[in-house]
C-alpha atoms as a PDB file:
ATOM      1  CA  MET A   1     -38.474  23.528 -24.679  1.00  0.00           C
ATOM      2  CA  GLU A   2     -37.747  26.250 -27.223  1.00  0.00           C
ATOM      3  CA  ASP A   3     -35.695  29.404 -27.366  1.00  0.00           C
ATOM      4  CA  LYS A   4     -35.472  32.051 -30.100  1.00  0.00           C
ATOM      5  CA  LYS A   5     -33.373  29.762 -32.297  1.00  0.00           C
ATOM      6  CA  GLY A   6     -35.812  26.862 -32.189  1.00  0.00           C
ATOM      7  CA  PRO A   7     -36.079  23.710 -30.118  1.00  0.00           C
ATOM      8  CA  ILE A   8     -33.192  22.964 -27.753  1.00  0.00           C
ATOM      9  CA  PRO A   9     -31.932  19.479 -28.489  1.00  0.00           C
ATOM     10  CA  GLN A  10     -32.298  17.065 -25.634  1.00  0.00           C
ATOM     11  CA  ILE A  11     -29.017  15.549 -24.577  1.00  0.00           C
ATOM     12  CA  ARG A  12     -29.485  11.960 -23.633  1.00  0.00           C
ATOM     13  CA  PRO A  13     -26.944   9.789 -21.901  1.00  0.00           C
ATOM     14  CA  PRO A  14     -25.691   6.862 -23.948  1.00  0.00           C
ATOM     15  CA  SER A  15     -27.955   3.878 -23.998  1.00  0.00           C
ATOM     16  CA  VAL A  16     -27.543   1.880 -20.834  1.00  0.00           C
ATOM     17  CA  ASN A  17     -27.905  -1.292 -22.846  1.00  0.00           C
ATOM     18  CA  ASN A  18     -24.977  -0.431 -25.132  1.00  0.00           C
ATOM     19  CA  VAL A  19     -22.750   0.611 -22.245  1.00  0.00           C
ATOM     20  CA  SER A  20     -23.725  -2.484 -20.298  1.00  0.00           C
ATOM     21  CA  ALA A  21     -23.109  -4.742 -23.284  1.00  0.00           C
ATOM     22  CA  ASN A  22     -19.645  -3.283 -23.878  1.00  0.00           C
ATOM     23  CA  LYS A  23     -18.771  -3.450 -20.186  1.00  0.00           C
ATOM     24  CA  THR A  24     -20.157  -6.979 -19.943  1.00  0.00           C
ATOM     25  CA  ASN A  25     -18.006  -8.079 -22.882  1.00  0.00           C
ATOM     26  CA  GLU A  26     -14.943  -6.462 -21.309  1.00  0.00           C
ATOM     27  CA  SER A  27     -15.573  -7.951 -17.858  1.00  0.00           C
ATOM     28  CA  GLU A  28     -16.188 -11.362 -19.436  1.00  0.00           C
ATOM     29  CA  ALA A  29     -12.883 -11.040 -21.314  1.00  0.00           C
ATOM     30  CA  ALA A  30     -11.148 -10.119 -18.034  1.00  0.00           C
ATOM     31  CA  LYS A  31     -12.684 -13.162 -16.339  1.00  0.00           C
ATOM     32  CA  LYS A  32     -11.593 -15.533 -19.125  1.00  0.00           C
ATOM     33  CA  TRP A  33      -8.097 -14.034 -19.091  1.00  0.00           C
ATOM     34  CA  LEU A  34      -7.872 -14.445 -15.316  1.00  0.00           C
ATOM     35  CA  ILE A  35      -8.990 -18.086 -15.283  1.00  0.00           C
ATOM     36  CA  LYS A  36      -6.674 -19.017 -18.155  1.00  0.00           C
ATOM     37  CA  ASN A  37      -3.662 -17.299 -16.611  1.00  0.00           C
ATOM     38  CA  ILE A  38      -4.190 -18.639 -13.086  1.00  0.00           C
ATOM     39  CA  GLU A  39      -4.413 -22.209 -14.349  1.00  0.00           C
ATOM     40  CA  SER A  40      -1.457 -21.706 -16.713  1.00  0.00           C
ATOM     41  CA  TYR A  41       0.622 -20.325 -13.847  1.00  0.00           C
ATOM     42  CA  PHE A  42       0.226 -23.569 -11.879  1.00  0.00           C
ATOM     43  CA  GLN A  43       1.081 -25.655 -14.957  1.00  0.00           C
ATOM     44  CA  ALA A  44       4.324 -23.760 -15.563  1.00  0.00           C
ATOM     45  CA  ASP A  45       7.696 -25.301 -14.912  1.00  0.00           C
ATOM     46  CA  PRO A  46       8.678 -24.407 -11.308  1.00  0.00           C
ATOM     47  CA  GLY A  47      11.807 -22.674 -12.620  1.00  0.00           C
ATOM     48  CA  ASN A  48       9.655 -20.351 -14.758  1.00  0.00           C
ATOM     49  CA  MET A  49       6.912 -19.521 -12.241  1.00  0.00           C
ATOM     50  CA  ASP A  50       8.511 -16.246 -11.162  1.00  0.00           C
ATOM     51  CA  LYS A  51       8.686 -15.069 -14.787  1.00  0.00           C
ATOM     52  CA  VAL A  52       5.070 -16.112 -15.375  1.00  0.00           C
ATOM     53  CA  MET A  53       4.044 -14.180 -12.257  1.00  0.00           C
ATOM     54  CA  GLN A  54       5.862 -11.095 -13.582  1.00  0.00           C
ATOM     55  CA  ASN A  55       4.062 -11.405 -16.923  1.00  0.00           C
ATOM     56  CA  ILE A  56       0.555 -11.510 -15.428  1.00  0.00           C
ATOM     57  CA  THR A  57       0.889  -8.894 -12.671  1.00  0.00           C
ATOM     58  CA  THR A  58       1.585  -5.176 -12.544  1.00  0.00           C
ATOM     59  CA  ARG A  59       5.148  -4.233 -11.646  1.00  0.00           C
ATOM     60  CA  ASP A  60       3.991  -2.761  -8.314  1.00  0.00           C
ATOM     61  CA  TYR A  61       2.002  -5.850  -7.384  1.00  0.00           C
ATOM     62  CA  TYR A  62       4.881  -8.160  -8.343  1.00  0.00           C
ATOM     63  CA  ASN A  63       7.302  -6.211  -6.125  1.00  0.00           C
ATOM     64  CA  TYR A  64       4.754  -6.003  -3.296  1.00  0.00           C
ATOM     65  CA  LYS A  65       3.965  -9.732  -3.338  1.00  0.00           C
ATOM     66  CA  THR A  66       7.638 -10.655  -3.606  1.00  0.00           C
ATOM     67  CA  ASP A  67       8.299  -8.519  -0.517  1.00  0.00           C
ATOM     68  CA  ALA A  68       5.304 -10.137   1.250  1.00  0.00           C
ATOM     69  CA  MET A  69       6.533 -13.662   0.511  1.00  0.00           C
ATOM     70  CA  ASN A  70       9.965 -12.810   1.905  1.00  0.00           C
ATOM     71  CA  VAL A  71       9.007 -10.925   5.102  1.00  0.00           C
ATOM     72  CA  ASP A  72      11.379 -11.917   7.918  1.00  0.00           C
ATOM     73  CA  MET A  73      13.085 -14.500   5.689  1.00  0.00           C
ATOM     74  CA  ASP A  74      16.827 -14.845   5.666  1.00  0.00           C
ATOM     75  CA  VAL A  75      17.236 -13.652   2.069  1.00  0.00           C
ATOM     76  CA  ASP A  76      18.832 -10.565   0.563  1.00  0.00           C
ATOM     77  CA  GLY A  77      16.455  -7.637   0.521  1.00  0.00           C
ATOM     78  CA  SER A  78      13.876  -9.180   2.849  1.00  0.00           C
ATOM     79  CA  LEU A  79      11.973  -6.770   5.058  1.00  0.00           C
ATOM     80  CA  THR A  80      10.723  -6.985   8.607  1.00  0.00           C
ATOM     81  CA  LEU A  81       6.950  -6.929   8.990  1.00  0.00           C
ATOM     82  CA  LYS A  82       7.054  -3.273  10.054  1.00  0.00           C
ATOM     83  CA  GLU A  83       9.301  -2.318   7.124  1.00  0.00           C
ATOM     84  CA  PHE A  84       6.944  -4.129   4.753  1.00  0.00           C
ATOM     85  CA  GLN A  85       3.885  -2.378   6.183  1.00  0.00           C
ATOM     86  CA  ASP A  86       5.575   1.030   6.100  1.00  0.00           C
ATOM     87  CA  LYS A  87       6.715   0.523   2.504  1.00  0.00           C
ATOM     88  CA  TRP A  88       3.405  -0.663   1.051  1.00  0.00           C
ATOM     89  CA  ARG A  89       0.495   0.472   3.260  1.00  0.00           C
ATOM     90  CA  MET A  90      -0.295   3.551   1.156  1.00  0.00           C
ATOM     91  CA  LYS A  91      -0.746   1.450  -1.984  1.00  0.00           C
ATOM     92  CA  PHE A  92      -2.089  -1.946  -0.827  1.00  0.00           C
ATOM     93  CA  ASP A  93      -4.084  -3.539   2.008  1.00  0.00           C
ATOM     94  CA  VAL A  94      -1.049  -4.960   3.811  1.00  0.00           C
ATOM     95  CA  GLN A  95      -3.280  -6.960   6.173  1.00  0.00           C
ATOM     96  CA  LYS A  96      -4.318  -9.127   3.206  1.00  0.00           C
ATOM     97  CA  ALA A  97      -0.953  -9.401   1.476  1.00  0.00           C
ATOM     98  CA  GLY A  98      -0.522 -13.110   2.097  1.00  0.00           C
ATOM     99  CA  ILE A  99       2.649 -12.514   4.098  1.00  0.00           C
ATOM    100  CA  GLY A 100       4.919 -15.544   4.156  1.00  0.00           C
ATOM    101  CA  VAL A 101       2.819 -17.513   1.674  1.00  0.00           C
ATOM    102  CA  GLY A 102       2.949 -17.977  -2.054  1.00  0.00           C
ATOM    103  CA  PHE A 103       1.371 -16.228  -4.999  1.00  0.00           C
ATOM    104  CA  LEU A 104      -2.361 -17.047  -5.340  1.00  0.00           C
ATOM    105  CA  ILE A 105      -2.427 -19.905  -2.789  1.00  0.00           C
ATOM    106  CA  THR A 106      -1.295 -20.307   0.797  1.00  0.00           C
ATOM    107  CA  GLY A 107      -0.333 -23.973   0.407  1.00  0.00           C
ATOM    108  CA  GLN A 108       3.245 -25.094  -0.074  1.00  0.00           C
ATOM    109  CA  ASP A 109       2.363 -28.159  -2.133  1.00  0.00           C
ATOM    110  CA  TRP A 110      -0.277 -28.656  -4.788  1.00  0.00           C
ATOM    111  CA  ASP A 111      -1.250 -31.172  -7.413  1.00  0.00           C
ATOM    112  CA  GLU A 112      -3.582 -29.466  -9.875  1.00  0.00           C
ATOM    113  CA  ILE A 113      -4.997 -26.020  -9.141  1.00  0.00           C
ATOM    114  CA  LYS A 114      -8.263 -25.158 -10.888  1.00  0.00           C
ATOM    115  CA  VAL A 115     -10.516 -22.132 -10.676  1.00  0.00           C
ATOM    116  CA  SER A 116     -13.844 -23.327  -9.238  1.00  0.00           C
ATOM    117  CA  LYS A 117     -15.377 -19.861  -8.875  1.00  0.00           C
ATOM    118  CA  CYS A 118     -14.646 -16.528 -10.534  1.00  0.00           C
ATOM    119  CA  ASP A 119     -17.461 -14.042  -9.996  1.00  0.00           C
ATOM    120  CA  LEU A 120     -17.319 -10.376 -10.872  1.00  0.00           C
ATOM    121  CA  ILE A 121     -17.903  -8.306  -7.714  1.00  0.00           C
ATOM    122  CA  LEU A 122     -17.168  -4.811  -8.940  1.00  0.00           C
ATOM    123  CA  GLU A 123     -16.385  -3.027 -12.175  1.00  0.00           C
ATOM    124  CA  THR A 124     -15.095   0.544 -12.200  1.00  0.00           C
ATOM    125  CA  LEU A 125     -15.156   3.190 -14.902  1.00  0.00           C
ATOM    126  CA  ASP A 126     -11.363   3.004 -15.232  1.00  0.00           C
ATOM    127  CA  ASP A 127     -11.444  -0.641 -16.399  1.00  0.00           C
ATOM    128  CA  THR A 128     -10.671  -2.280 -13.070  1.00  0.00           C
ATOM    129  CA  TYR A 129     -12.465  -5.550 -12.338  1.00  0.00           C
ATOM    130  CA  LEU A 130     -12.726  -7.140  -8.897  1.00  0.00           C
ATOM    131  CA  PHE A 131     -13.347 -10.892  -8.792  1.00  0.00           C
ATOM    132  CA  ASP A 132     -14.305 -13.268  -5.998  1.00  0.00           C
ATOM    133  CA  VAL A 133     -12.223 -16.351  -6.790  1.00  0.00           C
ATOM    134  CA  ILE A 134     -11.934 -19.823  -5.299  1.00  0.00           C
ATOM    135  CA  LEU A 135      -9.040 -22.022  -6.348  1.00  0.00           C
ATOM    136  CA  ILE A 136      -9.258 -25.725  -5.584  1.00  0.00           C
ATOM    137  CA  ASP A 137      -6.884 -28.650  -5.440  1.00  0.00           C
ATOM    138  CA  LYS A 138      -8.940 -31.843  -5.414  1.00  0.00           C
ATOM    139  CA  LYS A 139      -6.033 -34.145  -4.543  1.00  0.00           C
ATOM    140  CA  TYR A 140      -5.230 -32.206  -1.366  1.00  0.00           C
ATOM    141  CA  ASP A 141      -8.931 -31.400  -0.805  1.00  0.00           C
ATOM    142  CA  VAL A 142      -8.261 -27.708  -0.253  1.00  0.00           C
ATOM    143  CA  LYS A 143      -9.921 -24.455  -1.313  1.00  0.00           C
ATOM    144  CA  TYR A 144      -8.171 -21.112  -1.554  1.00  0.00           C
ATOM    145  CA  PRO A 145     -10.596 -18.161  -1.474  1.00  0.00           C
ATOM    146  CA  ILE A 146      -9.084 -14.907  -2.758  1.00  0.00           C
ATOM    147  CA  THR A 147     -10.220 -11.583  -4.150  1.00  0.00           C
ATOM    148  CA  ILE A 148      -8.396 -10.445  -7.280  1.00  0.00           C
ATOM    149  CA  SER A 149      -8.286  -7.006  -8.863  1.00  0.00           C
ATOM    150  CA  VAL A 150      -7.593  -7.050 -12.605  1.00  0.00           C
ATOM    151  CA  ILE A 151      -6.879  -3.983 -14.735  1.00  0.00           C
ATOM    152  CA  LYS A 152      -7.065  -3.424 -18.459  1.00  0.00           C
ATOM    153  CA  ASN A 153      -3.589  -3.191 -19.960  1.00  0.00           C
ATOM    154  CA  GLN A 154      -3.517  -2.268 -23.645  1.00  0.00           C
ATOM    155  CA  SER A 155      -5.211  -5.217 -25.354  1.00  0.00           C
ATOM    156  CA  SER A 156      -4.960  -7.548 -22.364  1.00  0.00           C
ATOM    157  CA  PHE A 157      -5.169  -7.487 -18.563  1.00  0.00           C
ATOM    158  CA  LEU A 158      -2.903  -7.649 -15.511  1.00  0.00           C
ATOM    159  CA  ILE A 159      -3.454  -8.653 -11.899  1.00  0.00           C
ATOM    160  CA  GLU A 160      -3.253  -5.451  -9.884  1.00  0.00           C
ATOM    161  CA  ASP A 161      -3.861  -6.878  -6.399  1.00  0.00           C
ATOM    162  CA  ILE A 162      -4.850 -10.052  -4.577  1.00  0.00           C
ATOM    163  CA  LEU A 163      -6.500  -9.954  -1.178  1.00  0.00           C
ATOM    164  CA  GLN A 164      -5.330 -13.127   0.491  1.00  0.00           C
ATOM    165  CA  GLU A 165      -6.050 -14.287   4.030  1.00  0.00           C
ATOM    166  CA  VAL A 166      -3.389 -16.392   5.706  1.00  0.00           C
ATOM    167  CA  PRO A 167      -5.006 -19.306   7.557  1.00  0.00           C
ATOM    168  CA  GLN A 168      -4.418 -19.181  11.288  1.00  0.00           C
ATOM    169  CA  SER A 169      -3.279 -22.404  12.916  1.00  0.00           C
ATOM    170  CA  ASN A 170      -5.075 -23.496  16.080  1.00  0.00           C
END
């Protein structure tokens, strides 16, 4: 196509291969970060686990999960289920908060938690990565399936949300 000034340059989108390669590297870095930090969390001294959780999660998620763990507990600042839902429903899926259970796993006791699966499900343009994760504890023969949202944070990553089902007892 030409106009009076000569050929009109064709504007081409960036190479899909280059974009994909950069995104693949970034998502792979997010995956490695997630696996390393999950396993490190469970190796931490029990007295330091809260601090470790704070260091690997966004401030909002930390506050949300802390509220979820303490729903209807007899501790200062605990919320009723309705108060919890009202407070957080606009920001998180409160049905998958893992109410009354711990961070990352629903079990009270564990021996050695390992990541047995960490598959990228979704990657957004704003550097958010959604992973399908299974944590296992071989000694207790238990699997904990969760979905984790990780965001880019400066030169590292943070857990932005965890979708966690609470097992129903029969």
